């Protein structure tokens, strides 16, 4: 059983989150994406304090496909320096892991 990751990013709109999800999943580098939002965001950016709303996308992929997914998200994201983070899934059902591995297999 390989390592499965949840990879997250945020977008300024729901439509942008859907476009990013469709492109990554269609490319076979993520098995699925869950979109949540809007969520409130408070941050520092370019030396300024900001507040706003974002839509969070959580992708499911394998550790082996992470680099490709990260590059894809950065290339297709409308923000110049988007947050892209990954967290390993400590435990998951065998059927779920098999699905993620099968869908993202090269």
Protein backbone atom coordinates (compact mmCIF):
# COMPACT_ATOMS: atom_id res chain seq x y z
CA UNK A 1 0.00 0.00 0.00
CA UNK A 2 1.46 3.34 -1.07
CA UNK A 3 1.24 6.67 0.69
CA UNK A 4 -1.95 8.65 0.04
CA UNK A 5 -2.00 12.43 0.45
CA UNK A 6 -4.57 15.16 0.86
CA UNK A 7 -3.30 18.14 -1.14
CA UNK A 8 -4.95 21.51 -0.53
CA UNK A 9 -5.11 24.87 -2.24
CA UNK A 10 -7.51 27.80 -2.18
CA UNK A 11 -9.07 29.87 -4.95
CA UNK A 12 -10.86 33.21 -5.04
CA UNK A 13 -14.11 31.80 -6.47
CA UNK A 14 -16.08 28.57 -6.63
CA UNK A 15 -15.79 28.55 -10.43
CA UNK A 16 -11.99 28.72 -10.17
CA UNK A 17 -12.03 25.83 -7.69
CA UNK A 18 -14.16 23.73 -10.04
CA UNK A 19 -11.92 24.51 -13.05
CA UNK A 20 -8.78 23.60 -11.09
CA UNK A 21 -10.40 20.37 -9.83
CA UNK A 22 -11.56 19.35 -13.28
CA UNK A 23 -8.16 19.95 -14.85
CA UNK A 24 -6.21 18.02 -12.18
CA UNK A 25 -8.63 15.10 -12.09
CA UNK A 26 -8.89 14.95 -15.89
CA UNK A 27 -5.08 14.83 -16.04
CA UNK A 28 -5.13 11.74 -13.80
CA UNK A 29 -2.94 13.29 -11.11
CA UNK A 30 -5.70 13.42 -8.50
CA UNK A 31 -8.42 10.88 -7.83
CA UNK A 32 -10.88 13.44 -6.54
CA UNK A 33 -11.28 16.94 -5.23
CA UNK A 34 -13.59 18.30 -2.57
CA UNK A 35 -14.55 21.96 -2.69
CA UNK A 36 -15.45 23.82 0.47
CA UNK A 37 -16.45 27.42 0.81
CA UNK A 38 -16.62 30.13 1.01
CA UNK A 39 -14.29 30.25 3.99
CA UNK A 40 -13.08 33.40 5.68
CA UNK A 41 -9.40 34.19 5.30
CA UNK A 42 -7.21 36.63 7.21
CA UNK A 43 -3.63 36.99 5.96
CA UNK A 44 -0.50 39.00 5.23
CA UNK A 45 0.24 39.40 1.52
CA UNK A 46 2.75 41.67 -0.19
CA UNK A 47 3.37 43.44 3.13
CA UNK A 48 -0.29 44.22 3.68
CA UNK A 49 -2.92 42.84 6.05
CA UNK A 50 -5.93 41.42 4.24
CA UNK A 51 -9.26 39.72 4.75
CA UNK A 52 -11.43 37.93 2.25
CA UNK A 53 -13.22 34.78 1.21
CA UNK A 54 -11.71 31.76 -0.51
CA UNK A 55 -12.80 28.36 -1.73
CA UNK A 56 -10.66 25.44 -0.52
CA UNK A 57 -9.99 22.42 -2.72
CA UNK A 58 -8.73 19.20 -1.11
CA UNK A 59 -7.36 16.71 -3.62
CA UNK A 60 -6.63 13.03 -3.03
CA UNK A 61 -3.52 11.63 -4.69
CA UNK A 62 -0.53 9.38 -4.14
CA UNK A 63 2.86 10.54 -2.90
CA UNK A 64 4.25 9.37 -6.25
CA UNK A 65 2.02 11.86 -8.13
CA UNK A 66 2.46 14.79 -5.72
CA UNK A 67 5.15 16.63 -7.70
CA UNK A 68 3.02 16.52 -10.86
CA UNK A 69 -0.08 17.69 -9.00
CA UNK A 70 1.81 20.53 -7.32
CA UNK A 71 3.24 21.70 -10.65
CA UNK A 72 -0.20 21.47 -12.28
CA UNK A 73 -1.88 23.48 -9.54
CA UNK A 74 0.77 26.20 -9.66
CA UNK A 75 0.68 26.37 -13.47
CA UNK A 76 -3.13 26.50 -13.73
CA UNK A 77 -3.85 28.64 -10.67
CA UNK A 78 -4.84 32.25 -11.21
CA UNK A 79 -2.77 33.43 -8.25
CA UNK A 80 0.96 33.98 -8.80
CA UNK A 81 2.03 32.19 -5.59
CA UNK A 82 -0.82 29.91 -4.47
CA UNK A 83 -0.71 27.87 -1.30
CA UNK A 84 -0.22 24.19 -2.13
CA UNK A 85 0.18 21.94 0.90
CA UNK A 86 0.08 18.20 1.44
CA UNK A 87 -0.71 16.04 4.44
CA UNK A 88 -0.28 12.26 4.49
CA UNK A 89 -3.35 10.21 5.31
CA UNK A 90 -2.33 8.11 8.32
CA UNK A 91 -5.00 5.45 7.86
CA UNK A 92 -7.56 4.66 5.20
CA UNK A 93 -9.67 1.72 4.13
CA UNK A 94 -7.99 -0.66 1.71
CA UNK A 95 -10.69 -0.07 -0.90
CA UNK A 96 -10.19 3.70 -0.73
CA UNK A 97 -6.42 3.41 -1.10
CA UNK A 98 -6.86 1.03 -4.04
CA UNK A 99 -9.20 3.55 -5.72
CA UNK A 100 -6.79 6.48 -5.33
CA UNK A 101 -3.87 4.37 -6.57
CA UNK A 102 -5.85 2.98 -9.52
CA UNK A 103 -7.23 6.34 -10.66
CA UNK A 104 -3.85 8.10 -10.42
CA UNK A 105 -1.72 5.26 -11.87
CA UNK A 106 0.59 6.34 -14.68
